[in-house]
Amino acid sequence: CKFDTIFVSCAPGAGPDDYSGVIAGLQYNQNEKAEMNQDAVALINHQIEDNKKYEVAVADDSAATCSPEGGAQITCAETHKCCTSKRSYLAGTAHESQPRLALYAICCPLDTHCKFDTIF
């Protein structure tokens, strides 16, 4: 079974998005995969909760709105930008679905860049 998800975070310094931590097509047995899914869900839920301090009301015209596919829409303060998680890829093709985790967005300061990593 092949399964992996791409985690997004804010990395220091302006610049292009960084995909250096992404490894596609990892293989795990069912027990390893279930344990990693629980850890990933906990990590992402914490990240989303912590991110709320950078969000503003949808009506804020100076804000950036993030609409991740299948995930919750958020609105970032004008001093922040959207970084949205990505579907994982295997042999150049996006996985059709990620049944355990929806894509999500976070707000990152404008002077940072989006960093993507495979977490399981």
Foldseek 3Di string as FASTA:
>chain_A
DWDWWKDKDWAAFDDEEAEVAADGGDDDDPVVVVVLLVVVVVVVVVQVVVQVVQFDDPPPPLWEWDDAVPDDITIGDNQWDKDKIDAGDDPRHGDPDRVSDGIDIGTYGPRTHMYMHISD
